[in-house]
Amino acid sequence: MITAEEIEQNKESSEQNTGGLALSEEKPSEGSCEQNKGGVALSEEKPSEEPCEQNKGGVALSEEKPSEEPCEQTKGGVALSEENPIEEPCEQTKGGVALSEENPIEGILI
């Protein structure tokens, strides 16, 4: 059973949360650092001058210095650049025969 004397002693000492970090209300740490779920230390007093976010794909994206040549990737694994699109697209039928609109196959026998 907890006595009133033990309660007073606990109030004077620093408290500990379930995460195992000692939190002192009277004397907070001047250089305290919080840690997010990703394991990156974030300091409120001294934030990083060049913050870098990481997406789910594991590619670091910097807001200050974005990539000059962004490239999107389709589901098929072919990189398509908005600045340099493919000049000669080719459609493929279900049978595996490539059909080009500019050069259709002539003389198909059914």
PDB file of N, CA and C in Angstrom:
ATOM      1  N   MET A   1       0.841  -1.187   0.000  1.00  0.00           N
ATOM      2  CA  MET A   1       0.000   0.000   0.000  1.00  0.00           C
ATOM      3  C   MET A   1       0.884   1.248   0.000  1.00  0.00           C
ATOM      4  N   ILE A   2       0.486   2.260  -0.731  1.00  0.00           N
ATOM      5  CA  ILE A   2       1.277   3.480  -0.858  1.00  0.00           C
ATOM      6  C   ILE A   2       0.898   4.438   0.263  1.00  0.00           C
ATOM      7  N   THR A   3       1.915   4.943   0.922  1.00  0.00           N
ATOM      8  CA  THR A   3       1.673   5.889   2.014  1.00  0.00           C
ATOM      9  C   THR A   3       1.767   7.305   1.492  1.00  0.00           C
ATOM     10  N   ALA A   4       1.282   8.246   2.287  1.00  0.00           N
ATOM     11  CA  ALA A   4       1.332   9.655   1.897  1.00  0.00           C
ATOM     12  C   ALA A   4       2.773  10.129   1.783  1.00  0.00           C
ATOM     13  N   GLU A   5       3.655   9.559   2.583  1.00  0.00           N
ATOM     14  CA  GLU A   5       5.068   9.943   2.538  1.00  0.00           C
ATOM     15  C   GLU A   5       5.703   9.533   1.213  1.00  0.00           C
ATOM     16  N   GLU A   6       5.346   8.345   0.699  1.00  0.00           N
ATOM     17  CA  GLU A   6       5.880   7.891  -0.576  1.00  0.00           C
ATOM     18  C   GLU A   6       5.374   8.752  -1.732  1.00  0.00           C
ATOM     19  N   ILE A   7       4.135   9.209  -1.621  1.00  0.00           N
ATOM     20  CA  ILE A   7       3.565  10.069  -2.659  1.00  0.00           C
ATOM     21  C   ILE A   7       4.323  11.386  -2.717  1.00  0.00           C
ATOM     22  N   GLU A   8       4.649  11.950  -1.552  1.00  0.00           N
ATOM     23  CA  GLU A   8       5.397  13.204  -1.512  1.00  0.00           C
ATOM     24  C   GLU A   8       6.793  13.023  -2.107  1.00  0.00           C
ATOM     25  N   GLN A   9       7.426  11.882  -1.835  1.00  0.00           N
ATOM     26  CA  GLN A   9       8.759  11.628  -2.377  1.00  0.00           C
ATOM     27  C   GLN A   9       8.706  11.496  -3.901  1.00  0.00           C
ATOM     28  N   ASN A  10       7.652  10.882  -4.385  1.00  0.00           N
ATOM     29  CA  ASN A  10       7.509  10.726  -5.834  1.00  0.00           C
ATOM     30  C   ASN A  10       7.275  12.065  -6.526  1.00  0.00           C
ATOM     31  N   LYS A  11       6.578  12.976  -5.869  1.00  0.00           N
ATOM     32  CA  LYS A  11       6.334  14.291  -6.458  1.00  0.00           C
ATOM     33  C   LYS A  11       7.634  15.071  -6.602  1.00  0.00           C
ATOM     34  N   GLU A  12       8.537  14.916  -5.625  1.00  0.00           N
ATOM     35  CA  GLU A  12       9.794  15.651  -5.664  1.00  0.00           C
ATOM     36  C   GLU A  12      10.771  15.051  -6.678  1.00  0.00           C
ATOM     37  N   SER A  13      10.733  13.759  -6.867  1.00  0.00           N
ATOM     38  CA  SER A  13      11.649  13.115  -7.808  1.00  0.00           C
ATOM     39  C   SER A  13      11.099  13.214  -9.225  1.00  0.00           C
ATOM     40  N   SER A  14      11.969  12.928 -10.203  1.00  0.00           N
ATOM     41  CA  SER A  14      11.520  12.987 -11.592  1.00  0.00           C
ATOM     42  C   SER A  14      10.602  11.802 -11.879  1.00  0.00           C
ATOM     43  N   GLU A  15       9.637  12.039 -12.782  1.00  0.00           N
ATOM     44  CA  GLU A  15       8.686  10.994 -13.140  1.00  0.00           C
ATOM     45  C   GLU A  15       9.203  10.248 -14.361  1.00  0.00           C
ATOM     46  N   GLN A  16       8.737   9.016 -14.514  1.00  0.00           N
ATOM     47  CA  GLN A  16       9.154   8.205 -15.656  1.00  0.00           C
ATOM     48  C   GLN A  16       7.907   7.704 -16.369  1.00  0.00           C
ATOM     49  N   ASN A  17       7.870   7.873 -17.691  1.00  0.00           N
ATOM     50  CA  ASN A  17       6.711   7.403 -18.439  1.00  0.00           C
ATOM     51  C   ASN A  17       6.901   5.949 -18.849  1.00  0.00           C
ATOM     52  N   THR A  18       5.906   5.414 -19.547  1.00  0.00           N
ATOM     53  CA  THR A  18       5.952   4.004 -19.936  1.00  0.00           C
ATOM     54  C   THR A  18       7.027   3.745 -20.985  1.00  0.00           C
ATOM     55  N   GLY A  19       7.462   4.780 -21.695  1.00  0.00           N
ATOM     56  CA  GLY A  19       8.487   4.595 -22.720  1.00  0.00           C
ATOM     57  C   GLY A  19       9.889   4.509 -22.154  1.00  0.00           C
ATOM     58  N   GLY A  20      10.042   4.717 -20.851  1.00  0.00           N
ATOM     59  CA  GLY A  20      11.348   4.603 -20.223  1.00  0.00           C
ATOM     60  C   GLY A  20      12.152   5.895 -20.267  1.00  0.00           C
ATOM     61  N   LEU A  21      11.521   7.023 -20.595  1.00  0.00           N
ATOM     62  CA  LEU A  21      12.224   8.299 -20.626  1.00  0.00           C
ATOM     63  C   LEU A  21      11.896   9.073 -19.360  1.00  0.00           C
ATOM     64  N   ALA A  22      12.928   9.525 -18.663  1.00  0.00           N
ATOM     65  CA  ALA A  22      12.701  10.289 -17.445  1.00  0.00           C
ATOM     66  C   ALA A  22      12.273  11.699 -17.810  1.00  0.00           C
ATOM     67  N   LEU A  23      11.141  12.133 -17.269  1.00  0.00           N
ATOM     68  CA  LEU A  23      10.627  13.463 -17.541  1.00  0.00           C
ATOM     69  C   LEU A  23      10.604  14.254 -16.243  1.00  0.00           C
ATOM     70  N   SER A  24      11.348  15.336 -16.204  1.00  0.00           N
ATOM     71  CA  SER A  24      11.396  16.167 -15.009  1.00  0.00           C
ATOM     72  C   SER A  24      10.653  17.456 -15.293  1.00  0.00           C
ATOM     73  N   GLU A  25       9.614  17.731 -14.509  1.00  0.00           N
ATOM     74  CA  GLU A  25       8.846  18.948 -14.731  1.00  0.00           C
ATOM     75  C   GLU A  25       9.581  20.166 -14.187  1.00  0.00           C
ATOM     76  N   GLU A  26      10.333  19.990 -13.099  1.00  0.00           N
ATOM     77  CA  GLU A  26      11.021  21.123 -12.493  1.00  0.00           C
ATOM     78  C   GLU A  26      12.214  21.569 -13.337  1.00  0.00           C
ATOM     79  N   LYS A  27      12.991  20.606 -13.845  1.00  0.00           N
ATOM     80  CA  LYS A  27      14.202  20.921 -14.592  1.00  0.00           C
ATOM     81  C   LYS A  27      14.211  20.146 -15.909  1.00  0.00           C
ATOM     82  N   PRO A  28      13.495  20.642 -16.911  1.00  0.00           N
ATOM     83  CA  PRO A  28      13.512  19.919 -18.187  1.00  0.00           C
ATOM     84  C   PRO A  28      14.886  20.016 -18.832  1.00  0.00           C
ATOM     85  N   SER A  29      15.241  19.032 -19.576  1.00  0.00           N
ATOM     86  CA  SER A  29      16.536  19.003 -20.244  1.00  0.00           C
ATOM     87  C   SER A  29      16.589  20.109 -21.292  1.00  0.00           C
ATOM     88  N   GLU A  30      17.680  20.870 -21.288  1.00  0.00           N
ATOM     89  CA  GLU A  30      17.804  21.969 -22.247  1.00  0.00           C
ATOM     90  C   GLU A  30      17.992  21.445 -23.665  1.00  0.00           C
ATOM     91  N   GLY A  31      18.700  20.352 -23.793  1.00  0.00           N
ATOM     92  CA  GLY A  31      18.944  19.783 -25.118  1.00  0.00           C
ATOM     93  C   GLY A  31      18.118  18.533 -25.334  1.00  0.00           C
ATOM     94  N   SER A  32      16.866  18.567 -24.916  1.00  0.00           N
ATOM     95  CA  SER A  32      16.030  17.376 -25.053  1.00  0.00           C
ATOM     96  C   SER A  32      15.792  17.084 -26.523  1.00  0.00           C
ATOM     97  N   CYS A  33      15.657  15.828 -26.823  1.00  0.00           N
ATOM     98  CA  CYS A  33      15.495  15.417 -28.215  1.00  0.00           C
ATOM     99  C   CYS A  33      14.408  14.360 -28.282  1.00  0.00           C
ATOM    100  N   GLU A  34      13.415  14.581 -29.142  1.00  0.00           N
ATOM    101  CA  GLU A  34      12.342  13.610 -29.292  1.00  0.00           C
ATOM    102  C   GLU A  34      12.671  12.682 -30.452  1.00  0.00           C
ATOM    103  N   GLN A  35      12.160  11.481 -30.375  1.00  0.00           N
ATOM    104  CA  GLN A  35      12.426  10.509 -31.431  1.00  0.00           C
ATOM    105  C   GLN A  35      11.096  10.024 -31.987  1.00  0.00           C
ATOM    106  N   ASN A  36      10.960  10.058 -33.302  1.00  0.00           N
ATOM    107  CA  ASN A  36       9.729   9.588 -33.913  1.00  0.00           C
ATOM    108  C   ASN A  36       9.805   8.093 -34.179  1.00  0.00           C
ATOM    109  N   LYS A  37       8.733   7.543 -34.753  1.00  0.00           N
ATOM    110  CA  LYS A  37       8.671   6.104 -35.006  1.00  0.00           C
ATOM    111  C   LYS A  37       9.713   5.658 -36.021  1.00  0.00           C
ATOM    112  N   GLY A  38      10.140   6.555 -36.891  1.00  0.00           N
ATOM    113  CA  GLY A  38      11.118   6.190 -37.911  1.00  0.00           C
ATOM    114  C   GLY A  38      12.537   6.125 -37.386  1.00  0.00           C
ATOM    115  N   GLY A  39      12.744   6.527 -36.137  1.00  0.00           N
ATOM    116  CA  GLY A  39      14.070   6.447 -35.542  1.00  0.00           C
ATOM    117  C   GLY A  39      14.936   7.658 -35.840  1.00  0.00           C
ATOM    118  N   VAL A  40      14.349   8.755 -36.300  1.00  0.00           N
ATOM    119  CA  VAL A  40      15.115   9.958 -36.590  1.00  0.00           C
ATOM    120  C   VAL A  40      14.964  10.918 -35.425  1.00  0.00           C
ATOM    121  N   ALA A  41      16.086  11.360 -34.862  1.00  0.00           N
ATOM    122  CA  ALA A  41      16.039  12.268 -33.723  1.00  0.00           C
ATOM    123  C   ALA A  41      15.662  13.662 -34.196  1.00  0.00           C
ATOM    124  N   LEU A  42      14.651  14.245 -33.563  1.00  0.00           N
ATOM    125  CA  LEU A  42      14.202  15.584 -33.912  1.00  0.00           C
ATOM    126  C   LEU A  42      14.406  16.492 -32.708  1.00  0.00           C
ATOM    127  N   SER A  43      15.188  17.532 -32.861  1.00  0.00           N
ATOM    128  CA  SER A  43      15.449  18.458 -31.774  1.00  0.00           C
ATOM    129  C   SER A  43      14.627  19.711 -32.000  1.00  0.00           C
ATOM    130  N   GLU A  44      13.833  20.097 -30.988  1.00  0.00           N
ATOM    131  CA  GLU A  44      13.000  21.282 -31.133  1.00  0.00           C
ATOM    132  C   GLU A  44      13.834  22.555 -31.028  1.00  0.00           C
ATOM    133  N   GLU A  45      14.876  22.532 -30.180  1.00  0.00           N
ATOM    134  CA  GLU A  45      15.690  23.729 -29.996  1.00  0.00           C
ATOM    135  C   GLU A  45      16.564  24.002 -31.219  1.00  0.00           C
ATOM    136  N   LYS A  46      17.136  22.950 -31.782  1.00  0.00           N
ATOM    137  CA  LYS A  46      18.043  23.097 -32.912  1.00  0.00           C
ATOM    138  C   LYS A  46      17.606  22.193 -34.059  1.00  0.00           C
ATOM    139  N   PRO A  47      16.587  22.623 -34.827  1.00  0.00           N
ATOM    140  CA  PRO A  47      16.150  21.775 -35.942  1.00  0.00           C
ATOM    141  C   PRO A  47      17.214  21.726 -37.022  1.00  0.00           C
ATOM    142  N   SER A  48      17.196  20.678 -37.777  1.00  0.00           N
ATOM    143  CA  SER A  48      18.171  20.512 -38.854  1.00  0.00           C
ATOM    144  C   SER A  48      17.979  21.620 -39.880  1.00  0.00           C
ATOM    145  N   GLU A  49      19.099  22.179 -40.353  1.00  0.00           N
ATOM    146  CA  GLU A  49      19.012  23.248 -41.343  1.00  0.00           C
ATOM    147  C   GLU A  49      18.537  22.727 -42.690  1.00  0.00           C
ATOM    148  N   GLU A  50      18.848  21.484 -42.985  1.00  0.00           N
ATOM    149  CA  GLU A  50      18.438  20.885 -44.250  1.00  0.00           C
ATOM    150  C   GLU A  50      17.602  19.642 -43.983  1.00  0.00           C
ATOM    151  N   PRO A  51      16.310  19.822 -43.628  1.00  0.00           N
ATOM    152  CA  PRO A  51      15.486  18.651 -43.342  1.00  0.00           C
ATOM    153  C   PRO A  51      15.268  17.827 -44.595  1.00  0.00           C
ATOM    154  N   CYS A  52      15.191  16.534 -44.408  1.00  0.00           N
ATOM    155  CA  CYS A  52      15.018  15.642 -45.552  1.00  0.00           C
ATOM    156  C   CYS A  52      13.943  14.626 -45.201  1.00  0.00           C
ATOM    157  N   GLU A  53      12.905  14.552 -46.027  1.00  0.00           N
ATOM    158  CA  GLU A  53      11.830  13.606 -45.776  1.00  0.00           C
ATOM    159  C   GLU A  53      12.083  12.332 -46.569  1.00  0.00           C
ATOM    160  N   GLN A  54      11.590  11.238 -46.046  1.00  0.00           N
ATOM    161  CA  GLN A  54      11.785   9.965 -46.731  1.00  0.00           C
ATOM    162  C   GLN A  54      10.421   9.350 -47.012  1.00  0.00           C
ATOM    163  N   ASN A  55      10.187   8.969 -48.243  1.00  0.00           N
ATOM    164  CA  ASN A  55       8.917   8.353 -48.579  1.00  0.00           C
ATOM    165  C   ASN A  55       8.979   6.852 -48.350  1.00  0.00           C
ATOM    166  N   LYS A  56       7.873   6.165 -48.643  1.00  0.00           N
ATOM    167  CA  LYS A  56       7.801   4.723 -48.412  1.00  0.00           C
ATOM    168  C   LYS A  56       8.767   3.954 -49.303  1.00  0.00           C
ATOM    169  N   GLY A  57       9.132   4.526 -50.431  1.00  0.00           N
ATOM    170  CA  GLY A  57      10.038   3.840 -51.347  1.00  0.00           C
ATOM    171  C   GLY A  57      11.488   3.912 -50.924  1.00  0.00           C
ATOM    172  N   GLY A  58      11.785   4.687 -49.897  1.00  0.00           N
ATOM    173  CA  GLY A  58      13.143   4.781 -49.394  1.00  0.00           C
ATOM    174  C   GLY A  58      13.990   5.808 -50.124  1.00  0.00           C
ATOM    175  N   VAL A  59      13.370   6.694 -50.891  1.00  0.00           N
ATOM    176  CA  VAL A  59      14.118   7.718 -51.607  1.00  0.00           C
ATOM    177  C   VAL A  59      14.030   9.014 -50.821  1.00  0.00           C
ATOM    178  N   ALA A  60      15.177   9.607 -50.495  1.00  0.00           N
ATOM    179  CA  ALA A  60      15.190  10.845 -49.726  1.00  0.00           C
ATOM    180  C   ALA A  60      14.767  11.999 -50.619  1.00  0.00           C
ATOM    181  N   LEU A  61      13.788  12.768 -50.168  1.00  0.00           N
ATOM    182  CA  LEU A  61      13.310  13.914 -50.921  1.00  0.00           C
ATOM    183  C   LEU A  61      13.597  15.176 -50.121  1.00  0.00           C
ATOM    184  N   SER A  62      14.349  16.093 -50.676  1.00  0.00           N
ATOM    185  CA  SER A  62      14.686  17.334 -50.001  1.00  0.00           C
ATOM    186  C   SER A  62      13.812  18.439 -50.561  1.00  0.00           C
ATOM    187  N   GLU A  63      13.156  19.192 -49.649  1.00  0.00           N
ATOM    188  CA  GLU A  63      12.286  20.262 -50.104  1.00  0.00           C
ATOM    189  C   GLU A  63      13.095  21.430 -50.659  1.00  0.00           C
ATOM    190  N   GLU A  64      14.277  21.668 -50.076  1.00  0.00           N
ATOM    191  CA  GLU A  64      15.082  22.791 -50.534  1.00  0.00           C
ATOM    192  C   GLU A  64      15.696  22.511 -51.904  1.00  0.00           C
ATOM    193  N   LYS A  65      16.104  21.268 -52.144  1.00  0.00           N
ATOM    194  CA  LYS A  65      16.780  20.913 -53.384  1.00  0.00           C
ATOM    195  C   LYS A  65      16.060  19.761 -54.083  1.00  0.00           C
ATOM    196  N   PRO A  66      14.911  20.051 -54.727  1.00  0.00           N
ATOM    197  CA  PRO A  66      14.210  18.968 -55.426  1.00  0.00           C
ATOM    198  C   PRO A  66      14.994  18.525 -56.652  1.00  0.00           C
ATOM    199  N   SER A  67      14.729  17.339 -57.097  1.00  0.00           N
ATOM    200  CA  SER A  67      15.428  16.808 -58.268  1.00  0.00           C
ATOM    201  C   SER A  67      15.089  17.658 -59.486  1.00  0.00           C
ATOM    202  N   GLU A  68      16.125  17.998 -60.262  1.00  0.00           N
ATOM    203  CA  GLU A  68      15.905  18.834 -61.439  1.00  0.00           C
ATOM    204  C   GLU A  68      15.238  18.057 -62.568  1.00  0.00           C
ATOM    205  N   GLU A  69      15.456  16.758 -62.614  1.00  0.00           N
ATOM    206  CA  GLU A  69      14.893  15.936 -63.677  1.00  0.00           C
ATOM    207  C   GLU A  69      14.018  14.843 -63.081  1.00  0.00           C
ATOM    208  N   PRO A  70      12.773  15.192 -62.689  1.00  0.00           N
ATOM    209  CA  PRO A  70      11.905  14.162 -62.120  1.00  0.00           C
ATOM    210  C   PRO A  70      11.532  13.127 -63.166  1.00  0.00           C
ATOM    211  N   CYS A  71      11.396  11.898 -62.736  1.00  0.00           N
ATOM    212  CA  CYS A  71      11.071  10.823 -63.673  1.00  0.00           C
ATOM    213  C   CYS A  71      10.014   9.931 -63.034  1.00  0.00           C
ATOM    214  N   GLU A  72       8.909   9.728 -63.740  1.00  0.00           N
ATOM    215  CA  GLU A  72       7.853   8.868 -63.229  1.00  0.00           C
ATOM    216  C   GLU A  72       8.027   7.470 -63.801  1.00  0.00           C
ATOM    217  N   GLN A  73       7.600   6.489 -63.033  1.00  0.00           N
ATOM    218  CA  GLN A  73       7.751   5.111 -63.491  1.00  0.00           C
ATOM    219  C   GLN A  73       6.378   4.461 -63.572  1.00  0.00           C
ATOM    220  N   THR A  74       6.127   3.778 -64.676  1.00  0.00           N
ATOM    221  CA  THR A  74       4.848   3.114 -64.854  1.00  0.00           C
ATOM    222  C   THR A  74       4.877   1.751 -64.175  1.00  0.00           C
ATOM    223  N   LYS A  75       3.732   1.076 -64.174  1.00  0.00           N
ATOM    224  CA  LYS A  75       3.647  -0.254 -63.568  1.00  0.00           C
ATOM    225  C   LYS A  75       4.502  -1.272 -64.312  1.00  0.00           C
ATOM    226  N   GLY A  76       4.727  -1.038 -65.577  1.00  0.00           N
ATOM    227  CA  GLY A  76       5.518  -1.973 -66.372  1.00  0.00           C
ATOM    228  C   GLY A  76       7.011  -1.818 -66.178  1.00  0.00           C
ATOM    229  N   GLY A  77       7.428  -0.816 -65.429  1.00  0.00           N
ATOM    230  CA  GLY A  77       8.844  -0.621 -65.168  1.00  0.00           C
ATOM    231  C   GLY A  77       9.536   0.252 -66.193  1.00  0.00           C
ATOM    232  N   VAL A  78       8.784   0.950 -67.048  1.00  0.00           N
ATOM    233  CA  VAL A  78       9.387   1.823 -68.050  1.00  0.00           C
ATOM    234  C   VAL A  78       9.356   3.249 -67.522  1.00  0.00           C
ATOM    235  N   ALA A  79      10.525   3.879 -67.423  1.00  0.00           N
ATOM    236  CA  ALA A  79      10.597   5.243 -66.914  1.00  0.00           C
ATOM    237  C   ALA A  79      10.104   6.213 -67.980  1.00  0.00           C
ATOM    238  N   LEU A  80       9.147   7.046 -67.621  1.00  0.00           N
ATOM    239  CA  LEU A  80       8.616   8.040 -68.546  1.00  0.00           C
ATOM    240  C   LEU A  80       8.919   9.421 -67.994  1.00  0.00           C
ATOM    241  N   SER A  81       9.628  10.226 -68.742  1.00  0.00           N
ATOM    242  CA  SER A  81       9.964  11.579 -68.323  1.00  0.00           C
ATOM    243  C   SER A  81       8.986  12.538 -68.973  1.00  0.00           C
ATOM    244  N   GLU A  82       8.468  13.482 -68.156  1.00  0.00           N
ATOM    245  CA  GLU A  82       7.516  14.435 -68.709  1.00  0.00           C
ATOM    246  C   GLU A  82       8.190  15.365 -69.715  1.00  0.00           C
ATOM    247  N   GLU A  83       9.475  15.676 -69.482  1.00  0.00           N
ATOM    248  CA  GLU A  83      10.177  16.554 -70.407  1.00  0.00           C
ATOM    249  C   GLU A  83      10.481  15.835 -71.723  1.00  0.00           C
ATOM    250  N   ASN A  84      10.793  14.547 -71.661  1.00  0.00           N
ATOM    251  CA  ASN A  84      11.162  13.772 -72.840  1.00  0.00           C
ATOM    252  C   ASN A  84      10.242  12.551 -72.989  1.00  0.00           C
ATOM    253  N   PRO A  85       9.007  12.762 -73.436  1.00  0.00           N
ATOM    254  CA  PRO A  85       8.115  11.610 -73.602  1.00  0.00           C
ATOM    255  C   PRO A  85       8.566  10.739 -74.767  1.00  0.00           C
ATOM    256  N   ILE A  86       8.130   9.502 -74.755  1.00  0.00           N
ATOM    257  CA  ILE A  86       8.480   8.594 -75.853  1.00  0.00           C
ATOM    258  C   ILE A  86       7.814   9.095 -77.131  1.00  0.00           C
ATOM    259  N   GLU A  87       8.640   9.289 -78.185  1.00  0.00           N
ATOM    260  CA  GLU A  87       8.125   9.867 -79.426  1.00  0.00           C
ATOM    261  C   GLU A  87       7.342   8.860 -80.254  1.00  0.00           C
ATOM    262  N   GLU A  88       7.693   7.582 -80.161  1.00  0.00           N
ATOM    263  CA  GLU A  88       7.031   6.568 -80.970  1.00  0.00           C
ATOM    264  C   GLU A  88       6.387   5.514 -80.078  1.00  0.00           C
ATOM    265  N   PRO A  89       5.202   5.827 -79.525  1.00  0.00           N
ATOM    266  CA  PRO A  89       4.542   4.828 -78.686  1.00  0.00           C
ATOM    267  C   PRO A  89       4.057   3.650 -79.516  1.00  0.00           C
ATOM    268  N   CYS A  90       4.058   2.478 -78.926  1.00  0.00           N
ATOM    269  CA  CYS A  90       3.638   1.282 -79.647  1.00  0.00           C
ATOM    270  C   CYS A  90       2.647   0.519 -78.782  1.00  0.00           C
ATOM    271  N   GLU A  91       1.482   0.217 -79.350  1.00  0.00           N
ATOM    272  CA  GLU A  91       0.476  -0.528 -78.612  1.00  0.00           C
ATOM    273  C   GLU A  91       0.629  -2.016 -78.898  1.00  0.00           C
ATOM    274  N   GLN A  92       0.297  -2.816 -77.916  1.00  0.00           N
ATOM    275  CA  GLN A  92       0.439  -4.257 -78.093  1.00  0.00           C
ATOM    276  C   GLN A  92      -0.921  -4.916 -77.888  1.00  0.00           C
ATOM    277  N   THR A  93      -1.253  -5.844 -78.781  1.00  0.00           N
ATOM    278  CA  THR A  93      -2.527  -6.536 -78.675  1.00  0.00           C
ATOM    279  C   THR A  93      -2.407  -7.698 -77.703  1.00  0.00           C
ATOM    280  N   LYS A  94      -3.540  -8.337 -77.421  1.00  0.00           N
ATOM    281  CA  LYS A  94      -3.542  -9.487 -76.513  1.00  0.00           C
ATOM    282  C   LYS A  94      -2.794 -10.677 -77.104  1.00  0.00           C
ATOM    283  N   GLY A  95      -2.736 -10.745 -78.413  1.00  0.00           N
ATOM    284  CA  GLY A  95      -2.046 -11.859 -79.056  1.00  0.00           C
ATOM    285  C   GLY A  95      -0.540 -11.703 -79.081  1.00  0.00           C
ATOM    286  N   GLY A  96      -0.032 -10.573 -78.662  1.00  0.00           N
ATOM    287  CA  GLY A  96       1.411 -10.361 -78.614  1.00  0.00           C
ATOM    288  C   GLY A  96       1.970  -9.737 -79.875  1.00  0.00           C
ATOM    289  N   VAL A  97       1.119  -9.254 -80.798  1.00  0.00           N
ATOM    290  CA  VAL A  97       1.600  -8.626 -82.025  1.00  0.00           C
ATOM    291  C   VAL A  97       1.565  -7.118 -81.834  1.00  0.00           C
ATOM    292  N   ALA A  98       2.720  -6.468 -82.019  1.00  0.00           N
ATOM    293  CA  ALA A  98       2.792  -5.020 -81.851  1.00  0.00           C
ATOM    294  C   ALA A  98       2.170  -4.338 -83.058  1.00  0.00           C
ATOM    295  N   LEU A  99       1.220  -3.448 -82.813  1.00  0.00           N
ATOM    296  CA  LEU A  99       0.573  -2.719 -83.893  1.00  0.00           C
ATOM    297  C   LEU A  99       0.885  -1.241 -83.740  1.00  0.00           C
ATOM    298  N   SER A 100       1.477  -0.651 -84.751  1.00  0.00           N
ATOM    299  CA  SER A 100       1.789   0.766 -84.729  1.00  0.00           C
ATOM    300  C   SER A 100       0.748   1.488 -85.565  1.00  0.00           C
ATOM    301  N   GLU A 101       0.247   2.610 -85.035  1.00  0.00           N
ATOM    302  CA  GLU A 101      -0.772   3.344 -85.774  1.00  0.00           C
ATOM    303  C   GLU A 101      -0.193   3.959 -87.044  1.00  0.00           C
ATOM    304  N   GLU A 102       1.092   4.339 -87.003  1.00  0.00           N
ATOM    305  CA  GLU A 102       1.703   4.940 -88.186  1.00  0.00           C
ATOM    306  C   GLU A 102       1.954   3.884 -89.267  1.00  0.00           C
ATOM    307  N   ASN A 103       2.340   2.666 -88.860  1.00  0.00           N
ATOM    308  CA  ASN A 103       2.673   1.601 -89.805  1.00  0.00           C
ATOM    309  C   ASN A 103       1.813   0.358 -89.526  1.00  0.00           C
ATOM    310  N   PRO A 104       0.551   0.383 -89.941  1.00  0.00           N
ATOM    311  CA  PRO A 104      -0.283  -0.805 -89.695  1.00  0.00           C
ATOM    312  C   PRO A 104       0.170  -1.984 -90.552  1.00  0.00           C
ATOM    313  N   ILE A 105      -0.078  -3.177 -90.042  1.00  0.00           N
ATOM    314  CA  ILE A 105       0.293  -4.377 -90.798  1.00  0.00           C
ATOM    315  C   ILE A 105      -0.671  -4.540 -91.971  1.00  0.00           C
ATOM    316  N   GLU A 106      -0.093  -4.701 -93.185  1.00  0.00           N
ATOM    317  CA  GLU A 106      -0.920  -4.830 -94.381  1.00  0.00           C
ATOM    318  C   GLU A 106      -1.001  -6.293 -94.797  1.00  0.00           C
ATOM    319  N   GLY A 107      -2.149  -6.694 -95.269  1.00  0.00           N
ATOM    320  CA  GLY A 107      -2.308  -8.041 -95.806  1.00  0.00           C
ATOM    321  C   GLY A 107      -2.488  -9.098 -94.737  1.00  0.00           C
ATOM    322  N   ILE A 108      -3.269  -8.815 -93.709  1.00  0.00           N
ATOM    323  CA  ILE A 108      -3.532  -9.817 -92.678  1.00  0.00           C
ATOM    324  C   ILE A 108      -4.609 -10.767 -93.200  1.00  0.00           C
ATOM    325  N   LEU A 109      -4.343 -12.078 -93.136  1.00  0.00           N
ATOM    326  CA  LEU A 109      -5.317 -13.075 -93.566  1.00  0.00           C
ATOM    327  C   LEU A 109      -6.079 -13.580 -92.350  1.00  0.00           C
ATOM    328  N   ILE A 110      -7.384 -13.639 -92.480  1.00  0.00           N
ATOM    329  CA  ILE A 110      -8.210 -14.126 -91.375  1.00  0.00           C
ATOM    330  C   ILE A 110      -8.650 -15.548 -91.673  1.00  0.00           C
TER     331      ILE A 110
END
